[in-house]
Amino acid sequence: MKGHIRTSTAVLLFTIALLVGALFVAVGQRRVPVFIDTAHAAAVDQGPLTSFAPVVKRAMPAVVNISSSKVVKAQQIPRGMFDDPMFRQFFGGRIPEMQQPKSQRETSLGSGVIVSSDGYIITNNHVVDGASDVKVEFSNKEKYSAKIVGTDKYTDVAVLKIDKTGLPTLPFADSGKVQVGDVVLAIGEPFGLGGTVTMGIVSAKSRSLGGQIERFEDFIQTDAAINHGNSGGALIDTHGELVGINTAILSGDGGGSEGIGFAIPANLARNVMDGILKNGKVTHGFMGIVPQELTPDMAKQFNMTDGHGVLIAQVSPETPASKAGLKVGDVITAINGNPVDDVNNFRLTVAGFASNTTVHLKVVREGKTMDVPVTLAEVTEGNLRPGGPSVVPGEGEKGALKGVSVQALTPEIREQLQLPDDTKGGVVITDLEDDSPAAAVGLQSGDVILQVNHRTVSTVAEFNSAVKQGASKDSTLLLVKRGAGTNFVVVPNK
């Protein structure tokens, strides 16, 4: 009996050991669950995706090659100069027969995306800008003449039309739902090689390059290789839907792709296209202010505890902003009820409205919140003109701000600095020490200081008094004019 019990016990222990061992093996071999966002991945139940060939096969026919050309007139040699006896003596008193330079034809290559089966194509404005002749070529080498329906240089979008129906198209995706890390494919015609596909991910969203490429920038950044000739081509998702129009690359000294490309979001391109097709052109709203980021240091100076909003650094005269009563130092926290946090997004929001649209701004002024309606004008080249250069005006005297020399702004200095006629008062920085806090935050000789700690200054004495009055604080707030623009600047006092 005891032997039977010992045997049963041994069997039981052996069984338990097997179960425990199996459990450890199961744990050791357990697969880590992978999260798959079904909104961004198709047919996940069919196994891992090993090829994008089906997606590319559907999308490729809707991406075309675009070639444009224009005649550039060469500058004519003026004949009047040879009427001068000083010149004629070298030609025996006769006027020489000069061969005038010939006009030249410039060509441009790019890509385009067919977005409607009856022949409408989206591309970049810079691909067809000023062109007198535009050709669209398909992958089967068929060529068609294209008409430029409309362009928008501020977003770099152009719409073309060819006389052909039944065309393959790319459907628009909602680019607002694109996420950093999404897989994307770039399709275009680089270097005229024909349809080419590259793969990457979305590296960043809402990327702005400070207006270096176009006035209103809200780029999707990707590492999918984009090269010369890809401009106007398609950036698609793994469903084969259009998420962006490839526009530019960040290139090194060699001029090639560095793995940083930029695409216009599909939503923006579609809105521009809709405006062009509906009205023949697209207009962008203009307010007439210079908005500035509300940094934590700046928010503290304006008693904005949550640091939410954008700061008005300049209000141009005779603009919608000035007519609505907006002032320098106001903080805009919302537009039409939507919170405002970023300067670039604020600019894009305003530009997204058509001219003559009335928008409602939530504005904080000296601690009080108010609603300010503003009826927008239209963006033009004139109201986007940049300011002039700053130059060193001459000798000044050391002011109360550490390392900064200033002098009063005279009419002569105003003319020398090419400042607008409405520039009144202020002191100009004549010199500043390289290791000074003012230099560290970017102030330069030629900058004009209009305000110190919210106080307007017109003389060196007023400047020094305002600086000394706020010396006990951590920093000094300056309103600075450089050329035609103004900005608030916070200078540490220590």
Protein backbone atom coordinates (compact mmCIF):
# COMPACT_ATOMS: atom_id res chain seq x y z
CA MET A 1 0.00 0.00 0.00
CA LYS A 2 2.76 2.41 0.93
CA GLY A 3 4.58 1.48 -2.23
CA HIS A 4 1.47 2.18 -4.27
CA ILE A 5 1.10 5.57 -2.62
CA ARG A 6 4.74 6.40 -3.31
CA THR A 7 4.32 5.34 -6.92
CA SER A 8 1.14 7.42 -7.31
CA THR A 9 2.86 10.35 -5.68
CA ALA A 10 5.79 10.02 -8.05
CA VAL A 11 3.46 9.87 -11.03
CA LEU A 12 1.61 12.93 -9.77
CA LEU A 13 4.84 14.86 -9.22
CA PHE A 14 6.08 13.84 -12.68
CA THR A 15 2.81 15.00 -14.24
CA ILE A 16 3.00 18.33 -12.45
CA ALA A 17 6.60 18.75 -13.58
CA LEU A 18 5.56 18.12 -17.17
CA LEU A 19 2.78 20.70 -16.90
CA VAL A 20 5.09 23.29 -15.34
CA GLY A 21 7.74 22.60 -17.97
CA ALA A 22 5.18 22.94 -20.73
CA LEU A 23 4.05 26.20 -19.19
CA PHE A 24 7.61 27.56 -19.20
CA VAL A 25 8.08 26.46 -22.80
CA ALA A 26 4.79 28.11 -23.76
CA VAL A 27 5.82 31.31 -22.02
CA GLY A 28 9.23 31.20 -23.67
CA GLN A 29 7.67 30.77 -27.10
CA ARG A 30 4.78 33.19 -26.59
CA ARG A 31 4.52 35.83 -29.32
CA VAL A 32 4.32 39.43 -28.24
CA PRO A 33 1.00 40.84 -29.49
CA VAL A 34 1.42 43.50 -32.18
CA PHE A 35 -1.07 46.37 -32.27
CA ILE A 36 -2.45 46.93 -35.75
CA ASP A 37 -4.43 50.09 -36.41
CA THR A 38 -7.17 48.79 -38.70
CA ALA A 39 -7.85 52.32 -39.86
CA HIS A 40 -4.38 52.40 -41.44
CA ALA A 41 -3.82 48.75 -42.42
CA ALA A 42 -5.80 46.71 -44.92
CA ALA A 43 -6.56 42.99 -44.94
CA VAL A 44 -4.55 42.22 -41.80
CA ASP A 45 -6.22 38.82 -41.54
CA GLN A 46 -4.54 37.73 -44.77
CA GLY A 47 -1.08 37.59 -43.25
CA PRO A 48 1.84 40.01 -43.33
CA LEU A 49 2.09 42.47 -46.23
CA THR A 50 5.16 41.66 -48.27
CA SER A 51 4.50 43.71 -51.41
CA PHE A 52 2.89 47.01 -52.38
CA ALA A 53 2.64 45.89 -56.00
CA PRO A 54 -1.20 45.77 -56.06
CA VAL A 55 -1.43 49.29 -54.62
CA VAL A 56 1.18 50.66 -57.03
CA LYS A 57 -0.46 48.92 -59.99
CA ARG A 58 -3.71 50.79 -59.30
CA ALA A 59 -2.08 54.15 -58.53
CA MET A 60 0.71 54.39 -61.12
CA PRO A 61 -1.50 55.06 -64.20
CA ALA A 62 -2.94 58.17 -62.48
CA VAL A 63 0.50 59.83 -62.17
CA VAL A 64 1.71 61.54 -65.33
CA ASN A 65 4.75 63.35 -66.66
CA ILE A 66 4.40 67.08 -67.22
CA SER A 67 6.71 69.13 -69.43
CA SER A 68 6.31 72.86 -69.82
CA SER A 69 8.17 75.52 -71.74
CA LYS A 70 8.25 79.26 -72.06
CA VAL A 71 10.14 81.76 -74.17
CA VAL A 72 12.42 84.01 -72.15
CA LYS A 73 13.23 87.26 -73.89
CA ALA A 74 16.88 88.16 -73.76
CA GLN A 75 17.77 91.64 -72.61
CA GLN A 76 18.24 93.92 -75.59
CA ILE A 77 21.41 95.96 -76.00
CA PRO A 78 20.40 99.66 -76.00
CA ARG A 79 21.44 101.39 -79.22
CA GLY A 80 21.23 104.87 -77.75
CA MET A 81 24.61 104.46 -76.10
CA PHE A 82 26.31 104.46 -79.53
CA ASP A 83 24.99 107.98 -80.26
CA ASP A 84 27.60 109.22 -77.83
CA PRO A 85 30.61 110.52 -79.83
CA MET A 86 32.85 108.97 -77.17
CA PHE A 87 31.79 105.51 -78.42
CA ARG A 88 31.37 106.34 -82.10
CA GLN A 89 35.03 107.40 -82.44
CA PHE A 90 36.03 103.77 -81.98
CA PHE A 91 33.95 102.81 -85.05
CA GLY A 92 35.03 105.52 -87.48
CA GLY A 93 32.07 107.73 -86.62
CA ARG A 94 29.62 105.02 -87.70
CA ILE A 95 27.05 103.25 -85.54
CA PRO A 96 28.10 99.59 -85.45
CA GLU A 97 25.70 96.83 -86.36
CA MET A 98 25.25 94.92 -83.14
CA GLN A 99 23.78 91.44 -83.13
CA GLN A 100 21.01 91.40 -80.56
CA PRO A 101 20.86 88.37 -78.27
CA LYS A 102 18.23 85.82 -79.19
CA SER A 103 15.33 84.79 -77.02
CA GLN A 104 15.62 81.37 -75.43
CA ARG A 105 13.10 78.67 -74.63
CA GLU A 106 13.24 77.30 -71.10
CA THR A 107 11.78 73.90 -70.27
CA SER A 108 10.66 72.35 -67.01
CA LEU A 109 9.90 68.75 -66.10
CA GLY A 110 7.63 67.57 -63.34
CA SER A 111 4.81 65.25 -62.44
CA GLY A 112 1.06 65.50 -62.02
CA VAL A 113 -1.84 63.57 -60.50
CA ILE A 114 -5.09 62.86 -62.34
CA VAL A 115 -7.91 63.59 -59.90
CA SER A 116 -10.95 63.35 -62.20
CA SER A 117 -11.70 60.97 -65.05
CA ASP A 118 -12.56 63.86 -67.39
CA GLY A 119 -9.03 65.22 -67.45
CA TYR A 120 -8.33 67.45 -64.44
CA ILE A 121 -4.78 67.18 -63.09
CA ILE A 122 -3.13 68.66 -60.00
CA THR A 123 0.53 69.64 -60.01
CA ASN A 124 2.83 72.29 -58.54
CA ASN A 125 2.62 75.90 -59.64
CA HIS A 126 6.41 76.05 -60.04
CA VAL A 127 6.24 73.24 -62.64
CA VAL A 128 4.08 75.31 -65.02
CA ASP A 129 4.69 78.89 -63.80
CA GLY A 130 4.71 81.27 -66.77
CA ALA A 131 4.54 78.41 -69.27
CA SER A 132 3.15 79.01 -72.74
CA ASP A 133 3.12 75.33 -73.66
CA VAL A 134 2.28 72.41 -71.34
CA LYS A 135 2.33 68.73 -72.34
CA VAL A 136 1.06 65.73 -70.37
CA GLU A 137 2.56 62.33 -71.13
CA PHE A 138 1.17 58.99 -69.97
CA SER A 139 3.12 55.83 -69.25
CA ASN A 140 2.15 54.46 -72.69
CA LYS A 141 3.87 57.51 -74.26
CA GLU A 142 0.59 59.17 -75.30
CA LYS A 143 0.93 62.97 -75.17
CA TYR A 144 -1.73 65.64 -74.77
CA SER A 145 -1.64 69.41 -74.70
CA ALA A 146 -2.84 70.78 -71.38
CA LYS A 147 -4.59 74.00 -70.48
CA ILE A 148 -3.65 75.76 -67.25
CA VAL A 149 -7.04 76.18 -65.55
CA GLY A 150 -5.64 78.14 -62.60
CA THR A 151 -2.71 78.46 -60.24
CA ASP A 152 -2.04 79.59 -56.68
CA LYS A 153 1.55 80.65 -56.09
CA TYR A 154 0.97 81.08 -52.34
CA THR A 155 0.39 77.32 -51.87
CA ASP A 156 2.28 76.20 -55.03
CA VAL A 157 -0.75 74.39 -56.48
CA ALA A 158 -1.82 74.38 -60.14
CA VAL A 159 -4.75 72.75 -61.91
CA LEU A 160 -4.46 71.53 -65.53
CA LYS A 161 -7.04 70.15 -67.97
CA ILE A 162 -6.56 67.81 -70.92
CA ASP A 163 -9.15 66.86 -73.52
CA LYS A 164 -9.59 63.19 -72.62
CA THR A 165 -12.14 61.19 -70.63
CA GLY A 166 -12.25 57.80 -68.94
CA LEU A 167 -8.95 58.41 -67.21
CA PRO A 168 -7.64 56.53 -64.17
CA THR A 169 -7.72 58.67 -61.02
CA LEU A 170 -6.33 58.78 -57.52
CA PRO A 171 -8.95 59.28 -54.79
CA PHE A 172 -8.24 61.91 -52.12
CA ALA A 173 -7.48 60.71 -48.61
CA ASP A 174 -8.28 62.81 -45.56
CA SER A 175 -4.76 64.11 -44.95
CA GLY A 176 -5.84 65.40 -41.54
CA LYS A 177 -5.91 61.78 -40.35
CA VAL A 178 -2.36 61.04 -41.47
CA GLN A 179 -0.13 60.10 -38.55
CA VAL A 180 3.60 60.32 -38.03
CA GLY A 181 4.91 56.81 -38.70
CA ASP A 182 2.38 55.93 -41.41
CA VAL A 183 3.90 54.16 -44.41
CA VAL A 184 3.68 56.22 -47.62
CA LEU A 185 4.74 55.79 -51.24
CA ALA A 186 6.00 58.59 -53.49
CA ILE A 187 5.21 58.23 -57.20
CA GLY A 188 6.61 60.54 -59.85
CA GLU A 189 8.78 61.06 -62.89
CA PRO A 190 12.26 61.89 -61.49
CA PHE A 191 14.81 63.08 -64.04
CA GLY A 192 12.40 62.11 -66.83
CA LEU A 193 13.04 58.41 -66.17
CA GLY A 194 9.37 57.51 -66.17
CA GLY A 195 7.11 56.24 -63.41
CA THR A 196 9.16 55.63 -60.26
CA VAL A 197 8.02 54.52 -56.79
CA THR A 198 9.83 54.98 -53.49
CA MET A 199 8.72 54.07 -49.97
CA GLY A 200 9.10 55.72 -46.59
CA ILE A 201 7.12 56.92 -43.62
CA VAL A 202 5.56 60.19 -42.56
CA SER A 203 8.38 61.82 -40.62
CA ALA A 204 6.49 64.92 -39.41
CA LYS A 205 3.31 66.91 -39.97
CA SER A 206 2.47 70.61 -40.20
CA ARG A 207 6.06 71.36 -41.11
CA SER A 208 6.87 74.98 -41.96
CA LEU A 209 10.13 76.26 -43.43
CA GLY A 210 9.51 79.92 -42.70
CA GLY A 211 8.15 80.69 -46.16
CA GLN A 212 11.30 79.50 -47.97
CA ILE A 213 9.27 77.38 -50.40
CA GLU A 214 5.86 79.00 -50.44
CA ARG A 215 3.95 81.60 -48.49
CA PHE A 216 1.56 79.23 -46.72
CA GLU A 217 3.34 76.07 -45.62
CA ASP A 218 1.79 73.07 -43.90
CA PHE A 219 3.93 70.28 -45.26
CA ILE A 220 3.85 66.56 -44.68
CA GLN A 221 7.49 65.57 -44.22
CA THR A 222 8.58 62.15 -45.47
CA ASP A 223 11.76 60.15 -45.95
CA ALA A 224 10.41 58.52 -49.13
CA ALA A 225 12.99 59.49 -51.75
CA ILE A 226 11.87 62.52 -53.78
CA ASN A 227 14.13 63.81 -56.54
CA HIS A 228 14.09 66.45 -59.27
CA GLY A 229 11.12 65.79 -61.48
CA ASN A 230 8.99 64.41 -58.66
CA SER A 231 7.45 67.84 -58.09
CA GLY A 232 3.70 67.58 -58.51
CA GLY A 233 3.71 63.81 -58.10
CA ALA A 234 1.68 61.72 -55.68
CA LEU A 235 2.30 60.80 -52.07
CA ILE A 236 -0.09 57.93 -51.36
CA ASP A 237 -0.97 55.75 -48.38
CA THR A 238 -1.07 51.97 -48.34
CA HIS A 239 -4.66 52.05 -49.59
CA GLY A 240 -3.53 53.86 -52.74
CA GLU A 241 -5.22 57.12 -51.77
CA LEU A 242 -3.67 60.56 -52.29
CA VAL A 243 -2.38 62.08 -49.05
CA GLY A 244 -0.14 64.76 -50.55
CA ILE A 245 1.43 66.43 -53.59
CA ASN A 246 5.23 66.07 -53.59
CA THR A 247 6.74 69.54 -53.72
CA ALA A 248 10.29 69.93 -52.46
CA ILE A 249 13.33 68.26 -50.98
CA LEU A 250 15.98 69.32 -48.54
CA SER A 251 19.17 68.79 -50.50
CA GLY A 252 22.82 68.99 -49.58
CA ASP A 253 25.71 70.52 -51.49
CA GLY A 254 25.34 67.85 -54.19
CA GLY A 255 21.73 68.84 -54.84
CA GLY A 256 20.39 65.31 -54.36
CA SER A 257 17.83 63.87 -51.99
CA GLU A 258 18.86 63.77 -48.33
CA GLY A 259 15.86 61.72 -47.21
CA ILE A 260 13.83 64.78 -46.25
CA GLY A 261 10.98 65.56 -48.61
CA PHE A 262 7.92 67.76 -48.31
CA ALA A 263 4.42 67.31 -49.69
CA ILE A 264 1.40 69.63 -49.75
CA PRO A 265 -1.40 67.93 -47.76
CA ALA A 266 -4.19 66.55 -49.94
CA ASN A 267 -6.83 68.53 -48.03
CA LEU A 268 -5.08 71.83 -48.80
CA ALA A 269 -4.52 70.91 -52.45
CA ARG A 270 -8.15 69.88 -52.83
CA ASN A 271 -9.45 73.12 -51.29
CA VAL A 272 -7.29 75.17 -53.65
CA MET A 273 -8.47 73.11 -56.63
CA ASP A 274 -12.11 73.51 -55.63
CA GLY A 275 -11.68 77.27 -55.39
CA ILE A 276 -10.03 77.42 -58.81
CA LEU A 277 -12.73 75.31 -60.46
CA LYS A 278 -15.54 77.24 -58.81
CA ASN A 279 -14.29 80.82 -59.14
CA GLY A 280 -11.40 80.64 -61.60
CA LYS A 281 -8.99 81.52 -58.80
CA VAL A 282 -8.51 81.08 -55.09
CA THR A 283 -8.27 83.97 -52.64
CA HIS A 284 -6.62 83.95 -49.22
CA GLY A 285 -7.71 85.98 -46.25
CA PHE A 286 -5.48 88.83 -45.05
CA MET A 287 -5.70 90.37 -41.58
CA GLY A 288 -2.76 92.77 -41.40
CA ILE A 289 -0.94 91.68 -38.26
CA VAL A 290 2.41 90.09 -37.47
CA PRO A 291 1.68 87.20 -35.08
CA GLN A 292 4.35 85.94 -32.73
CA GLU A 293 4.76 82.77 -30.68
CA LEU A 294 3.76 83.19 -27.04
CA THR A 295 6.74 81.57 -25.33
CA PRO A 296 6.63 80.84 -21.58
CA ASP A 297 8.85 83.88 -20.90
CA MET A 298 6.60 86.03 -23.11
CA ALA A 299 3.43 84.70 -21.48
CA LYS A 300 4.81 85.69 -18.09
CA GLN A 301 5.39 89.25 -19.32
CA PHE A 302 1.76 89.45 -20.49
CA ASN A 303 0.29 87.73 -17.41
CA MET A 304 -0.98 84.81 -19.50
CA THR A 305 -0.87 82.03 -16.94
CA ASP A 306 -1.67 79.19 -19.37
CA GLY A 307 0.63 80.41 -22.17
CA HIS A 308 -2.15 79.84 -24.68
CA GLY A 309 -2.48 81.95 -27.85
CA VAL A 310 -0.42 84.03 -30.27
CA LEU A 311 0.85 87.53 -29.60
CA ILE A 312 0.27 90.48 -31.93
CA ALA A 313 3.68 92.08 -32.57
CA GLN A 314 2.54 94.50 -35.29
CA VAL A 315 -0.68 95.95 -36.67
CA SER A 316 -0.30 97.50 -40.12
CA PRO A 317 -2.25 100.71 -40.76
CA GLU A 318 -5.34 100.70 -42.99
CA THR A 319 -5.76 96.94 -42.73
CA PRO A 320 -8.67 94.82 -41.45
CA ALA A 321 -6.85 94.39 -38.12
CA SER A 322 -6.39 98.13 -37.54
CA LYS A 323 -9.97 98.87 -38.59
CA ALA A 324 -11.21 96.24 -36.14
CA GLY A 325 -9.27 97.88 -33.30
CA LEU A 326 -6.62 95.22 -32.71
CA LYS A 327 -3.51 96.51 -30.94
CA VAL A 328 0.13 95.55 -30.47
CA GLY A 329 0.34 93.41 -27.34
CA ASP A 330 -3.08 91.78 -27.78
CA VAL A 331 -3.07 88.00 -27.41
CA ILE A 332 -5.34 86.00 -29.74
CA THR A 333 -6.49 82.79 -28.03
CA ALA A 334 -9.17 81.58 -30.47
CA ILE A 335 -10.54 82.16 -33.96
CA ASN A 336 -14.20 81.32 -34.55
CA GLY A 337 -14.14 79.40 -31.29
CA ASN A 338 -11.18 77.22 -32.24
CA PRO A 339 -8.14 77.51 -29.92
CA VAL A 340 -5.02 79.21 -31.28
CA ASP A 341 -1.61 77.96 -30.15
CA ASP A 342 0.77 78.09 -33.10
CA VAL A 343 1.71 81.01 -35.36
CA ASN A 344 1.99 78.96 -38.54
CA ASN A 345 -1.36 77.26 -37.97
CA PHE A 346 -2.91 80.66 -37.24
CA ARG A 347 -1.58 82.03 -40.54
CA LEU A 348 -2.89 78.99 -42.39
CA THR A 349 -6.30 79.31 -40.73
CA VAL A 350 -6.62 82.97 -41.71
CA ALA A 351 -5.37 82.26 -45.24
CA GLY A 352 -7.91 79.46 -45.54
CA PHE A 353 -10.79 81.95 -45.41
CA ALA A 354 -11.87 83.76 -48.55
CA SER A 355 -11.58 87.53 -48.67
CA ASN A 356 -14.55 89.49 -47.23
CA THR A 357 -15.15 86.73 -44.66
CA THR A 358 -15.79 87.99 -41.12
CA VAL A 359 -14.00 85.98 -38.44
CA HIS A 360 -14.38 86.33 -34.68
CA LEU A 361 -11.25 86.52 -32.57
CA LYS A 362 -11.07 85.88 -28.85
CA VAL A 363 -8.56 88.47 -27.66
CA VAL A 364 -6.96 89.08 -24.27
CA ARG A 365 -5.88 92.68 -23.65
CA GLU A 366 -4.40 93.70 -20.31
CA GLY A 367 -6.13 90.79 -18.58
CA LYS A 368 -9.54 91.39 -20.15
CA THR A 369 -11.08 89.01 -22.69
CA MET A 370 -13.09 90.36 -25.62
CA ASP A 371 -14.62 89.23 -28.90
CA VAL A 372 -13.28 91.11 -31.93
CA PRO A 373 -14.92 90.63 -35.35
CA VAL A 374 -12.52 91.15 -38.28
CA THR A 375 -13.57 91.26 -41.94
CA LEU A 376 -10.64 89.89 -43.93
CA ALA A 377 -9.16 91.46 -47.07
CA GLU A 378 -7.38 89.55 -49.84
CA VAL A 379 -3.71 88.59 -49.76
CA THR A 380 -1.70 90.47 -52.41
CA GLU A 381 1.99 90.90 -53.15
CA GLY A 382 1.78 94.45 -51.81
CA ASN A 383 0.60 93.52 -48.33
CA LEU A 384 3.13 90.70 -48.04
CA ARG A 385 6.15 92.84 -48.89
CA PRO A 386 9.05 92.11 -46.51
CA GLY A 387 10.87 94.76 -44.56
CA GLY A 388 14.11 96.43 -45.58
CA PRO A 389 17.58 95.66 -44.23
CA SER A 390 19.03 96.94 -41.00
CA VAL A 391 22.32 98.82 -40.99
CA VAL A 392 24.56 100.20 -38.28
CA PRO A 393 23.54 103.86 -37.87
CA GLY A 394 26.54 105.29 -36.03
CA GLU A 395 27.61 106.36 -32.55
CA GLY A 396 25.32 106.03 -29.55
CA GLU A 397 25.66 105.96 -25.79
CA LYS A 398 25.64 103.03 -23.43
CA GLY A 399 22.15 102.47 -22.11
CA ALA A 400 20.79 100.87 -18.96
CA LEU A 401 20.32 97.53 -20.74
CA LYS A 402 23.51 95.52 -20.26
CA GLY A 403 25.86 95.60 -23.25
CA VAL A 404 23.58 97.76 -25.43
CA SER A 405 24.31 101.24 -26.82
CA VAL A 406 21.41 103.31 -28.18
CA GLN A 407 20.51 106.69 -29.61
CA ALA A 408 17.27 108.47 -30.42
CA LEU A 409 15.66 107.73 -33.79
CA THR A 410 16.11 110.75 -36.06
CA PRO A 411 14.62 111.33 -39.54
CA GLU A 412 18.07 110.71 -41.04
CA ILE A 413 18.42 107.36 -39.28
CA ARG A 414 14.86 106.43 -40.23
CA GLU A 415 15.74 107.00 -43.89
CA GLN A 416 19.04 105.15 -43.55
CA LEU A 417 17.30 102.12 -42.07
CA GLN A 418 14.57 102.25 -44.73
CA LEU A 419 11.91 102.29 -42.01
CA PRO A 420 8.25 102.88 -42.89
CA ASP A 421 7.00 106.46 -42.65
CA ASP A 422 4.65 105.52 -39.81
CA THR A 423 7.60 104.65 -37.52
CA LYS A 424 7.34 107.14 -34.68
CA GLY A 425 9.60 107.43 -31.67
CA GLY A 426 11.94 104.69 -30.49
CA VAL A 427 15.65 104.39 -29.88
CA VAL A 428 17.98 102.59 -32.26
CA ILE A 429 20.67 100.11 -31.20
CA THR A 430 24.02 101.43 -32.40
CA ASP A 431 26.19 98.75 -30.84
CA LEU A 432 25.94 95.74 -28.56
CA GLU A 433 28.50 93.50 -26.96
CA ASP A 434 28.78 89.99 -28.40
CA ASP A 435 28.49 88.32 -24.99
CA SER A 436 25.53 90.41 -23.83
CA PRO A 437 22.11 88.88 -23.05
CA ALA A 438 20.62 91.12 -25.78
CA ALA A 439 22.93 89.65 -28.41
CA ALA A 440 22.16 86.14 -27.19
CA VAL A 441 18.42 86.58 -27.93
CA GLY A 442 19.13 87.87 -31.44
CA LEU A 443 19.10 91.67 -31.19
CA GLN A 444 21.25 93.47 -33.76
CA SER A 445 22.70 96.89 -34.47
CA GLY A 446 20.07 98.84 -36.38
CA ASP A 447 17.13 97.36 -34.46
CA VAL A 448 14.72 100.03 -33.22
CA ILE A 449 13.32 99.61 -29.69
CA LEU A 450 9.81 101.04 -29.56
CA GLN A 451 8.70 99.83 -26.12
CA VAL A 452 10.34 98.75 -22.87
CA ASN A 453 8.19 96.79 -20.43
CA HIS A 454 5.02 98.01 -22.21
CA ARG A 455 6.18 101.65 -22.06
CA THR A 456 6.70 103.62 -25.30
CA VAL A 457 10.16 105.20 -25.48
CA SER A 458 11.36 108.02 -27.76
CA THR A 459 14.55 109.18 -26.09
CA VAL A 460 17.57 107.56 -24.49
CA ALA A 461 16.47 108.94 -21.10
CA GLU A 462 13.02 107.31 -21.45
CA PHE A 463 14.67 104.06 -22.49
CA ASN A 464 17.01 104.04 -19.49
CA SER A 465 14.21 104.94 -17.08
CA ALA A 466 11.98 102.12 -18.33
CA VAL A 467 14.82 99.57 -18.15
CA LYS A 468 15.79 100.60 -14.60
CA GLN A 469 12.17 100.50 -13.45
CA GLY A 470 11.96 96.83 -14.38
CA ALA A 471 15.46 95.90 -13.22
CA SER A 472 14.12 93.90 -10.28
CA LYS A 473 12.33 91.48 -12.62
CA ASP A 474 13.87 88.40 -14.18
CA SER A 475 13.76 89.90 -17.66
CA THR A 476 13.03 92.98 -19.76
CA LEU A 477 10.33 93.00 -22.44
CA LEU A 478 11.16 94.94 -25.62
CA LEU A 479 9.08 95.71 -28.69
CA VAL A 480 11.62 95.80 -31.52
CA LYS A 481 11.26 96.97 -35.11
CA ARG A 482 13.53 95.55 -37.79
CA GLY A 483 12.81 96.80 -41.29
CA ALA A 484 9.03 96.81 -41.74
CA GLY A 485 8.39 94.11 -39.09
CA THR A 486 8.11 94.23 -35.31
CA ASN A 487 8.53 91.55 -32.66
CA PHE A 488 8.47 91.30 -28.89
CA VAL A 489 11.77 90.14 -27.40
CA VAL A 490 12.45 89.03 -23.84
CA VAL A 491 15.98 89.84 -22.61
CA PRO A 492 17.17 88.17 -19.36
CA ASN A 493 18.34 90.65 -16.73
CA LYS A 494 20.96 88.27 -15.36
